[in-house]
PDB file of all heavy atoms in Angstrom:
ATOM      1  N   PHE A   1      12.507   5.371  -3.829  1.00  0.00           N
ATOM      2  CA  PHE A   1      11.793   4.792  -4.890  1.00  0.00           C
ATOM      3  C   PHE A   1      12.093   5.460  -6.185  1.00  0.00           C
ATOM      4  O   PHE A   1      12.240   6.657  -6.330  1.00  0.00           O
ATOM      5  CB  PHE A   1      10.189   4.860  -4.665  1.00  0.00           C
ATOM      6  CG  PHE A   1       9.787   3.833  -3.674  1.00  0.00           C
ATOM      7  CD1 PHE A   1       9.433   4.185  -2.430  1.00  0.00           C
ATOM      8  CD2 PHE A   1       9.618   2.553  -4.086  1.00  0.00           C
ATOM      9  CE1 PHE A   1       8.998   3.278  -1.475  1.00  0.00           C
ATOM     10  CE2 PHE A   1       9.147   1.568  -3.120  1.00  0.00           C
ATOM     11  CZ  PHE A   1       8.859   1.970  -1.818  1.00  0.00           C
ATOM     12  N   THR A   2      12.278   4.662  -7.289  1.00  0.00           N
ATOM     13  CA  THR A   2      12.678   5.154  -8.634  1.00  0.00           C
ATOM     14  C   THR A   2      11.602   4.950  -9.664  1.00  0.00           C
ATOM     15  O   THR A   2      11.643   5.623 -10.703  1.00  0.00           O
ATOM     16  CB  THR A   2      13.903   4.459  -9.082  1.00  0.00           C
ATOM     17  OG1 THR A   2      13.668   3.118  -9.229  1.00  0.00           O
ATOM     18  CG2 THR A   2      15.092   4.765  -8.069  1.00  0.00           C
ATOM     19  N   SER A   3      10.591   4.062  -9.416  1.00  0.00           N
ATOM     20  CA  SER A   3       9.603   3.791 -10.526  1.00  0.00           C
ATOM     21  C   SER A   3       8.238   4.180  -9.982  1.00  0.00           C
ATOM     22  O   SER A   3       7.914   4.303  -8.806  1.00  0.00           O
ATOM     23  CB  SER A   3       9.620   2.253 -10.798  1.00  0.00           C
ATOM     24  OG  SER A   3       9.047   1.515  -9.802  1.00  0.00           O
ATOM     25  N   THR A   4       7.364   4.389 -11.029  1.00  0.00           N
ATOM     26  CA  THR A   4       5.916   4.500 -10.693  1.00  0.00           C
ATOM     27  C   THR A   4       5.440   3.111 -10.261  1.00  0.00           C
ATOM     28  O   THR A   4       5.773   2.121 -10.850  1.00  0.00           O
ATOM     29  CB  THR A   4       5.163   4.922 -11.962  1.00  0.00           C
ATOM     30  OG1 THR A   4       5.724   6.062 -12.520  1.00  0.00           O
ATOM     31  CG2 THR A   4       3.729   5.190 -11.635  1.00  0.00           C
ATOM     32  N   PRO A   5       4.662   3.063  -9.153  1.00  0.00           N
ATOM     33  CA  PRO A   5       4.176   1.722  -8.749  1.00  0.00           C
ATOM     34  C   PRO A   5       3.289   1.134  -9.846  1.00  0.00           C
ATOM     35  O   PRO A   5       2.566   1.815 -10.542  1.00  0.00           O
ATOM     36  CB  PRO A   5       3.340   2.035  -7.479  1.00  0.00           C
ATOM     37  CG  PRO A   5       3.776   3.337  -7.053  1.00  0.00           C
ATOM     38  CD  PRO A   5       4.211   4.051  -8.231  1.00  0.00           C
ATOM     39  N   VAL A   6       3.361  -0.144  -9.992  1.00  0.00           N
ATOM     40  CA  VAL A   6       2.450  -0.845 -10.872  1.00  0.00           C
ATOM     41  C   VAL A   6       1.492  -1.756  -9.975  1.00  0.00           C
ATOM     42  O   VAL A   6       1.928  -2.332  -9.065  1.00  0.00           O
ATOM     43  CB  VAL A   6       3.250  -1.775 -11.851  1.00  0.00           C
ATOM     44  CG1 VAL A   6       3.986  -2.888 -11.081  1.00  0.00           C
ATOM     45  CG2 VAL A   6       2.349  -2.449 -12.838  1.00  0.00           C
ATOM     46  N   VAL A   7       0.271  -1.750 -10.384  1.00  0.00           N
ATOM     47  CA  VAL A   7      -0.876  -2.422  -9.650  1.00  0.00           C
ATOM     48  C   VAL A   7      -1.216  -3.678 -10.376  1.00  0.00           C
ATOM     49  O   VAL A   7      -1.336  -3.627 -11.637  1.00  0.00           O
ATOM     50  CB  VAL A   7      -2.031  -1.559  -9.441  1.00  0.00           C
ATOM     51  CG1 VAL A   7      -3.163  -2.352  -8.760  1.00  0.00           C
ATOM     52  CG2 VAL A   7      -1.716  -0.403  -8.626  1.00  0.00           C
ATOM     53  N   PHE A   8      -1.343  -4.787  -9.782  1.00  0.00           N
ATOM     54  CA  PHE A   8      -1.688  -6.029 -10.443  1.00  0.00           C
ATOM     55  C   PHE A   8      -2.463  -6.991  -9.426  1.00  0.00           C
ATOM     56  O   PHE A   8      -2.444  -6.698  -8.172  1.00  0.00           O
ATOM     57  CB  PHE A   8      -0.469  -6.817 -10.965  1.00  0.00           C
ATOM     58  CG  PHE A   8       0.550  -7.158  -9.875  1.00  0.00           C
ATOM     59  CD1 PHE A   8       0.495  -8.382  -9.161  1.00  0.00           C
ATOM     60  CD2 PHE A   8       1.598  -6.261  -9.501  1.00  0.00           C
ATOM     61  CE1 PHE A   8       1.479  -8.617  -8.188  1.00  0.00           C
ATOM     62  CE2 PHE A   8       2.498  -6.494  -8.624  1.00  0.00           C
ATOM     63  CZ  PHE A   8       2.467  -7.724  -7.840  1.00  0.00           C
ATOM     64  N   GLU A   9      -3.159  -7.971 -10.037  1.00  0.00           N
ATOM     65  CA  GLU A   9      -3.968  -8.846  -9.179  1.00  0.00           C
ATOM     66  C   GLU A   9      -3.159 -10.132  -8.909  1.00  0.00           C
ATOM     67  O   GLU A   9      -2.556 -10.699  -9.853  1.00  0.00           O
ATOM     68  CB  GLU A   9      -5.278  -9.204  -9.950  1.00  0.00           C
ATOM     69  CG  GLU A   9      -6.234 -10.089  -9.084  1.00  0.00           C
ATOM     70  CD  GLU A   9      -6.067 -11.568  -9.184  1.00  0.00           C
ATOM     71  OE1 GLU A   9      -5.468 -11.944 -10.243  1.00  0.00           O
ATOM     72  OE2 GLU A   9      -6.372 -12.270  -8.306  1.00  0.00           O
ATOM     73  N   PHE A  10      -3.157 -10.583  -7.677  1.00  0.00           N
ATOM     74  CA  PHE A  10      -2.465 -11.801  -7.315  1.00  0.00           C
ATOM     75  C   PHE A  10      -3.279 -12.602  -6.214  1.00  0.00           C
ATOM     76  O   PHE A  10      -3.509 -11.973  -5.169  1.00  0.00           O
ATOM     77  CB  PHE A  10      -1.040 -11.535  -6.831  1.00  0.00           C
ATOM     78  CG  PHE A  10      -0.217 -12.712  -6.570  1.00  0.00           C
ATOM     79  CD1 PHE A  10       0.104 -13.593  -7.577  1.00  0.00           C
ATOM     80  CD2 PHE A  10       0.207 -13.018  -5.284  1.00  0.00           C
ATOM     81  CE1 PHE A  10       0.905 -14.754  -7.285  1.00  0.00           C
ATOM     82  CE2 PHE A  10       0.907 -14.087  -5.001  1.00  0.00           C
ATOM     83  CZ  PHE A  10       1.233 -15.047  -5.893  1.00  0.00           C
ATOM     84  N   GLN A  11      -3.712 -13.741  -6.622  1.00  0.00           N
ATOM     85  CA  GLN A  11      -4.464 -14.589  -5.567  1.00  0.00           C
ATOM     86  C   GLN A  11      -5.593 -13.859  -4.951  1.00  0.00           C
ATOM     87  O   GLN A  11      -5.875 -13.872  -3.817  1.00  0.00           O
ATOM     88  CB  GLN A  11      -3.488 -15.111  -4.422  1.00  0.00           C
ATOM     89  CG  GLN A  11      -2.402 -16.022  -5.063  1.00  0.00           C
ATOM     90  CD  GLN A  11      -1.502 -16.591  -3.980  1.00  0.00           C
ATOM     91  OE1 GLN A  11      -1.542 -16.092  -2.758  1.00  0.00           O
ATOM     92  NE2 GLN A  11      -0.694 -17.518  -4.297  1.00  0.00           N
ATOM     93  N   GLY A  12      -6.365 -13.150  -5.857  1.00  0.00           N
ATOM     94  CA  GLY A  12      -7.549 -12.494  -5.532  1.00  0.00           C
ATOM     95  C   GLY A  12      -7.323 -11.132  -4.746  1.00  0.00           C
ATOM     96  O   GLY A  12      -8.315 -10.488  -4.266  1.00  0.00           O
ATOM     97  N   LYS A  13      -6.190 -10.632  -4.659  1.00  0.00           N
ATOM     98  CA  LYS A  13      -5.807  -9.417  -4.057  1.00  0.00           C
ATOM     99  C   LYS A  13      -5.139  -8.364  -5.024  1.00  0.00           C
ATOM    100  O   LYS A  13      -4.479  -8.826  -5.978  1.00  0.00           O
ATOM    101  CB  LYS A  13      -4.900  -9.528  -2.799  1.00  0.00           C
ATOM    102  CG  LYS A  13      -5.494 -10.337  -1.670  1.00  0.00           C
ATOM    103  CD  LYS A  13      -4.494 -10.396  -0.463  1.00  0.00           C
ATOM    104  CE  LYS A  13      -5.104 -11.034   0.700  1.00  0.00           C
ATOM    105  NZ  LYS A  13      -4.084 -11.030   1.842  1.00  0.00           N
ATOM    106  N   SER A  14      -5.386  -7.079  -4.746  1.00  0.00           N
ATOM    107  CA  SER A  14      -4.664  -6.117  -5.474  1.00  0.00           C
ATOM    108  C   SER A  14      -3.316  -5.870  -4.810  1.00  0.00           C
ATOM    109  O   SER A  14      -3.186  -5.655  -3.604  1.00  0.00           O
ATOM    110  CB  SER A  14      -5.403  -4.783  -5.487  1.00  0.00           C
ATOM    111  OG  SER A  14      -6.577  -4.919  -6.282  1.00  0.00           O
ATOM    112  N   MET A  15      -2.284  -6.041  -5.581  1.00  0.00           N
ATOM    113  CA  MET A  15      -0.915  -5.829  -5.118  1.00  0.00           C
ATOM    114  C   MET A  15      -0.198  -4.680  -5.994  1.00  0.00           C
ATOM    115  O   MET A  15      -0.764  -4.343  -7.000  1.00  0.00           O
ATOM    116  CB  MET A  15      -0.085  -7.091  -5.299  1.00  0.00           C
ATOM    117  CG  MET A  15      -0.767  -8.360  -4.810  1.00  0.00           C
ATOM    118  SD  MET A  15      -0.933  -8.415  -3.007  1.00  0.00           S
ATOM    119  CE  MET A  15       0.694  -8.716  -2.566  1.00  0.00           C
ATOM    120  N   LEU A  16       0.808  -4.112  -5.325  1.00  0.00           N
ATOM    121  CA  LEU A  16       1.600  -3.137  -6.100  1.00  0.00           C
ATOM    122  C   LEU A  16       3.050  -3.393  -5.888  1.00  0.00           C
ATOM    123  O   LEU A  16       3.459  -3.888  -4.810  1.00  0.00           O
ATOM    124  CB  LEU A  16       1.150  -1.742  -5.767  1.00  0.00           C
ATOM    125  CG  LEU A  16       1.298  -1.162  -4.341  1.00  0.00           C
ATOM    126  CD1 LEU A  16       2.642  -0.475  -4.139  1.00  0.00           C
ATOM    127  CD2 LEU A  16       0.200  -0.242  -4.070  1.00  0.00           C
ATOM    128  N   ALA A  17       3.778  -2.969  -6.891  1.00  0.00           N
ATOM    129  CA  ALA A  17       5.340  -3.154  -6.836  1.00  0.00           C
ATOM    130  C   ALA A  17       5.955  -1.915  -7.281  1.00  0.00           C
ATOM    131  O   ALA A  17       5.472  -1.210  -8.191  1.00  0.00           O
ATOM    132  CB  ALA A  17       5.703  -4.339  -7.707  1.00  0.00           C
ATOM    133  N   ALA A  18       7.174  -1.666  -6.813  1.00  0.00           N
ATOM    134  CA  ALA A  18       7.973  -0.579  -7.244  1.00  0.00           C
ATOM    135  C   ALA A  18       9.502  -0.851  -6.966  1.00  0.00           C
ATOM    136  O   ALA A  18       9.754  -1.703  -6.070  1.00  0.00           O
ATOM    137  CB  ALA A  18       7.503   0.762  -6.539  1.00  0.00           C
ATOM    138  N   THR A  19      10.314  -0.183  -7.666  1.00  0.00           N
ATOM    139  CA  THR A  19      11.788  -0.385  -7.498  1.00  0.00           C
ATOM    140  C   THR A  19      12.404   0.737  -6.725  1.00  0.00           C
ATOM    141  O   THR A  19      11.810   1.827  -6.700  1.00  0.00           O
ATOM    142  CB  THR A  19      12.424  -0.490  -8.976  1.00  0.00           C
ATOM    143  OG1 THR A  19      12.163   0.754  -9.695  1.00  0.00           O
ATOM    144  CG2 THR A  19      12.005  -1.646  -9.687  1.00  0.00           C
ATOM    145  N   THR A  20      13.506   0.491  -6.100  1.00  0.00           N
ATOM    146  CA  THR A  20      14.268   1.514  -5.327  1.00  0.00           C
ATOM    147  C   THR A  20      15.650   1.650  -5.937  1.00  0.00           C
ATOM    148  O   THR A  20      16.208   0.759  -6.694  1.00  0.00           O
ATOM    149  CB  THR A  20      14.330   1.151  -3.863  1.00  0.00           C
ATOM    150  OG1 THR A  20      14.706  -0.270  -3.751  1.00  0.00           O
ATOM    151  CG2 THR A  20      12.915   1.343  -3.274  1.00  0.00           C
ATOM    152  N   ASN A  21      16.408   2.680  -5.530  1.00  0.00           N
ATOM    153  CA  ASN A  21      17.700   2.976  -6.056  1.00  0.00           C
ATOM    154  C   ASN A  21      18.841   2.043  -5.538  1.00  0.00           C
ATOM    155  O   ASN A  21      19.951   2.240  -5.908  1.00  0.00           O
ATOM    156  CB  ASN A  21      18.111   4.479  -5.777  1.00  0.00           C
ATOM    157  CG  ASN A  21      18.158   4.725  -4.288  1.00  0.00           C
ATOM    158  OD1 ASN A  21      17.882   3.938  -3.463  1.00  0.00           O
ATOM    159  ND2 ASN A  21      18.639   5.969  -3.966  1.00  0.00           N
ATOM    160  N   ASP A  22      18.475   1.135  -4.729  1.00  0.00           N
ATOM    161  CA  ASP A  22      19.517   0.087  -4.335  1.00  0.00           C
ATOM    162  C   ASP A  22      19.335  -1.138  -5.229  1.00  0.00           C
ATOM    163  O   ASP A  22      19.992  -2.247  -4.929  1.00  0.00           O
ATOM    164  CB  ASP A  22      19.317  -0.298  -2.914  1.00  0.00           C
ATOM    165  CG  ASP A  22      17.893  -0.832  -2.510  1.00  0.00           C
ATOM    166  OD1 ASP A  22      17.006  -0.831  -3.384  1.00  0.00           O
ATOM    167  OD2 ASP A  22      17.681  -1.054  -1.320  1.00  0.00           O
ATOM    168  N   GLY A  23      18.568  -1.002  -6.297  1.00  0.00           N
ATOM    169  CA  GLY A  23      18.456  -2.156  -7.184  1.00  0.00           C
ATOM    170  C   GLY A  23      17.484  -3.186  -6.853  1.00  0.00           C
ATOM    171  O   GLY A  23      17.559  -4.309  -7.419  1.00  0.00           O
ATOM    172  N   LYS A  24      16.614  -2.938  -5.935  1.00  0.00           N
ATOM    173  CA  LYS A  24      15.622  -3.987  -5.470  1.00  0.00           C
ATOM    174  C   LYS A  24      14.284  -3.730  -5.928  1.00  0.00           C
ATOM    175  O   LYS A  24      13.983  -2.521  -6.203  1.00  0.00           O
ATOM    176  CB  LYS A  24      15.766  -4.070  -3.904  1.00  0.00           C
ATOM    177  CG  LYS A  24      17.067  -4.498  -3.356  1.00  0.00           C
ATOM    178  CD  LYS A  24      17.038  -4.580  -1.850  1.00  0.00           C
ATOM    179  CE  LYS A  24      18.375  -5.118  -1.322  1.00  0.00           C
ATOM    180  NZ  LYS A  24      18.445  -5.164   0.170  1.00  0.00           N
ATOM    181  N   LEU A  25      13.418  -4.712  -5.865  1.00  0.00           N
ATOM    182  CA  LEU A  25      11.981  -4.609  -6.192  1.00  0.00           C
ATOM    183  C   LEU A  25      11.180  -4.938  -4.904  1.00  0.00           C
ATOM    184  O   LEU A  25      11.527  -5.959  -4.199  1.00  0.00           O
ATOM    185  CB  LEU A  25      11.682  -5.666  -7.191  1.00  0.00           C
ATOM    186  CG  LEU A  25      10.103  -5.685  -7.629  1.00  0.00           C
ATOM    187  CD1 LEU A  25       9.822  -4.494  -8.432  1.00  0.00           C
ATOM    188  CD2 LEU A  25       9.824  -6.977  -8.393  1.00  0.00           C
ATOM    189  N   HIS A  26      10.197  -4.049  -4.601  1.00  0.00           N
ATOM    190  CA  HIS A  26       9.349  -4.218  -3.379  1.00  0.00           C
ATOM    191  C   HIS A  26       7.921  -4.419  -3.786  1.00  0.00           C
ATOM    192  O   HIS A  26       7.407  -3.797  -4.677  1.00  0.00           O
ATOM    193  CB  HIS A  26       9.500  -2.960  -2.502  1.00  0.00           C
ATOM    194  CG  HIS A  26      10.895  -2.599  -2.122  1.00  0.00           C
ATOM    195  ND1 HIS A  26      11.418  -2.912  -0.901  1.00  0.00           N
ATOM    196  CD2 HIS A  26      11.853  -1.966  -2.861  1.00  0.00           C
ATOM    197  CE1 HIS A  26      12.641  -2.487  -0.833  1.00  0.00           C
ATOM    198  NE2 HIS A  26      12.947  -1.857  -1.909  1.00  0.00           N
ATOM    199  N   VAL A  27       7.258  -5.424  -3.102  1.00  0.00           N
ATOM    200  CA  VAL A  27       5.976  -5.726  -3.360  1.00  0.00           C
ATOM    201  C   VAL A  27       5.074  -5.491  -2.085  1.00  0.00           C
ATOM    202  O   VAL A  27       5.513  -5.883  -1.019  1.00  0.00           O
ATOM    203  CB  VAL A  27       5.711  -7.219  -3.872  1.00  0.00           C
ATOM    204  CG1 VAL A  27       4.334  -7.510  -4.136  1.00  0.00           C
ATOM    205  CG2 VAL A  27       6.642  -7.498  -5.087  1.00  0.00           C
ATOM    206  N   PHE A  28       3.906  -4.896  -2.301  1.00  0.00           N
ATOM    207  CA  PHE A  28       3.069  -4.586  -1.089  1.00  0.00           C
ATOM    208  C   PHE A  28       1.622  -5.021  -1.394  1.00  0.00           C
ATOM    209  O   PHE A  28       1.160  -5.108  -2.553  1.00  0.00           O
ATOM    210  CB  PHE A  28       3.060  -3.010  -0.906  1.00  0.00           C
ATOM    211  CG  PHE A  28       4.451  -2.453  -0.755  1.00  0.00           C
ATOM    212  CD1 PHE A  28       5.159  -1.960  -1.786  1.00  0.00           C
ATOM    213  CD2 PHE A  28       4.998  -2.350   0.539  1.00  0.00           C
ATOM    214  CE1 PHE A  28       6.385  -1.398  -1.713  1.00  0.00           C
ATOM    215  CE2 PHE A  28       6.234  -1.714   0.644  1.00  0.00           C
ATOM    216  CZ  PHE A  28       6.975  -1.287  -0.420  1.00  0.00           C
ATOM    217  N   ASP A  29       0.880  -5.260  -0.277  1.00  0.00           N
ATOM    218  CA  ASP A  29      -0.537  -5.467  -0.338  1.00  0.00           C
ATOM    219  C   ASP A  29      -1.159  -4.087  -0.524  1.00  0.00           C
ATOM    220  O   ASP A  29      -0.982  -3.150   0.275  1.00  0.00           O
ATOM    221  CB  ASP A  29      -1.054  -6.135   0.891  1.00  0.00           C
ATOM    222  CG  ASP A  29      -2.566  -6.439   0.894  1.00  0.00           C
ATOM    223  OD1 ASP A  29      -3.315  -5.603   0.354  1.00  0.00           O
ATOM    224  OD2 ASP A  29      -2.963  -7.468   1.342  1.00  0.00           O
ATOM    225  N   ALA A  30      -1.829  -3.840  -1.605  1.00  0.00           N
ATOM    226  CA  ALA A  30      -2.411  -2.542  -1.998  1.00  0.00           C
ATOM    227  C   ALA A  30      -3.355  -2.058  -0.925  1.00  0.00           C
ATOM    228  O   ALA A  30      -3.458  -0.832  -0.675  1.00  0.00           O
ATOM    229  CB  ALA A  30      -3.078  -2.520  -3.372  1.00  0.00           C
ATOM    230  N   ALA A  31      -4.163  -2.978  -0.325  1.00  0.00           N
ATOM    231  CA  ALA A  31      -5.189  -2.530   0.631  1.00  0.00           C
ATOM    232  C   ALA A  31      -4.570  -2.033   1.922  1.00  0.00           C
ATOM    233  O   ALA A  31      -5.139  -1.093   2.514  1.00  0.00           O
ATOM    234  CB  ALA A  31      -6.151  -3.714   0.982  1.00  0.00           C
ATOM    235  N   THR A  32      -3.470  -2.563   2.366  1.00  0.00           N
ATOM    236  CA  THR A  32      -2.840  -2.231   3.654  1.00  0.00           C
ATOM    237  C   THR A  32      -1.511  -1.517   3.472  1.00  0.00           C
ATOM    238  O   THR A  32      -0.955  -1.034   4.466  1.00  0.00           O
ATOM    239  CB  THR A  32      -2.761  -3.446   4.515  1.00  0.00           C
ATOM    240  OG1 THR A  32      -1.858  -4.384   3.932  1.00  0.00           O
ATOM    241  CG2 THR A  32      -4.153  -4.089   4.781  1.00  0.00           C
ATOM    242  N   LEU A  33      -0.898  -1.659   2.386  1.00  0.00           N
ATOM    243  CA  LEU A  33       0.455  -1.245   2.024  1.00  0.00           C
ATOM    244  C   LEU A  33       1.440  -1.998   2.953  1.00  0.00           C
ATOM    245  O   LEU A  33       2.647  -1.624   3.165  1.00  0.00           O
ATOM    246  CB  LEU A  33       0.677   0.255   2.258  1.00  0.00           C
ATOM    247  CG  LEU A  33       0.039   1.179   1.274  1.00  0.00           C
ATOM    248  CD1 LEU A  33       0.492   2.644   1.423  1.00  0.00           C
ATOM    249  CD2 LEU A  33       0.341   0.739  -0.157  1.00  0.00           C
ATOM    250  N   LYS A  34       1.094  -3.178   3.400  1.00  0.00           N
ATOM    251  CA  LYS A  34       1.973  -4.094   4.163  1.00  0.00           C
ATOM    252  C   LYS A  34       2.980  -4.714   3.191  1.00  0.00           C
ATOM    253  O   LYS A  34       2.551  -5.296   2.112  1.00  0.00           O
ATOM    254  CB  LYS A  34       1.165  -5.156   4.894  1.00  0.00           C
ATOM    255  CG  LYS A  34       2.010  -6.083   5.693  1.00  0.00           C
ATOM    256  CD  LYS A  34       1.226  -7.098   6.401  1.00  0.00           C
ATOM    257  CE  LYS A  34       2.072  -8.129   7.200  1.00  0.00           C
ATOM    258  NZ  LYS A  34       1.267  -9.109   7.819  1.00  0.00           N
ATOM    259  N   PRO A  35       4.274  -4.660   3.452  1.00  0.00           N
ATOM    260  CA  PRO A  35       5.216  -5.324   2.563  1.00  0.00           C
ATOM    261  C   PRO A  35       4.950  -6.780   2.543  1.00  0.00           C
ATOM    262  O   PRO A  35       4.818  -7.448   3.583  1.00  0.00           O
ATOM    263  CB  PRO A  35       6.581  -4.945   3.237  1.00  0.00           C
ATOM    264  CG  PRO A  35       6.264  -3.784   4.048  1.00  0.00           C
ATOM    265  CD  PRO A  35       4.917  -3.965   4.587  1.00  0.00           C
ATOM    266  N   THR A  36       5.082  -7.446   1.327  1.00  0.00           N
ATOM    267  CA  THR A  36       4.891  -8.819   1.140  1.00  0.00           C
ATOM    268  C   THR A  36       6.095  -9.581   0.622  1.00  0.00           C
ATOM    269  O   THR A  36       6.300 -10.728   0.782  1.00  0.00           O
ATOM    270  CB  THR A  36       3.688  -9.141   0.263  1.00  0.00           C
ATOM    271  OG1 THR A  36       3.968  -8.596  -1.027  1.00  0.00           O
ATOM    272  CG2 THR A  36       2.398  -8.603   0.898  1.00  0.00           C
ATOM    273  N   ALA A  37       6.939  -8.809  -0.098  1.00  0.00           N
ATOM    274  CA  ALA A  37       8.225  -9.385  -0.587  1.00  0.00           C
ATOM    275  C   ALA A  37       9.111  -8.312  -1.014  1.00  0.00           C
ATOM    276  O   ALA A  37       8.737  -7.166  -1.427  1.00  0.00           O
ATOM    277  CB  ALA A  37       7.841 -10.269  -1.799  1.00  0.00           C
ATOM    278  N   THR A  38      10.454  -8.580  -0.851  1.00  0.00           N
ATOM    279  CA  THR A  38      11.479  -7.704  -1.402  1.00  0.00           C
ATOM    280  C   THR A  38      12.561  -8.536  -2.009  1.00  0.00           C
ATOM    281  O   THR A  38      13.011  -9.551  -1.486  1.00  0.00           O
ATOM    282  CB  THR A  38      12.174  -6.908  -0.196  1.00  0.00           C
ATOM    283  OG1 THR A  38      11.194  -6.193   0.478  1.00  0.00           O
ATOM    284  CG2 THR A  38      13.202  -6.079  -0.780  1.00  0.00           C
TER     285      THR A  38
END
């Protein structure tokens, strides 16, 4: 991971996103840290 996670609301849930050194963006469910999108 290269960035500080950012927290945001999406469809009534708290989500968080962060970037990695392979140039990708990862999105997680903040409550469970389950990956939702890459």
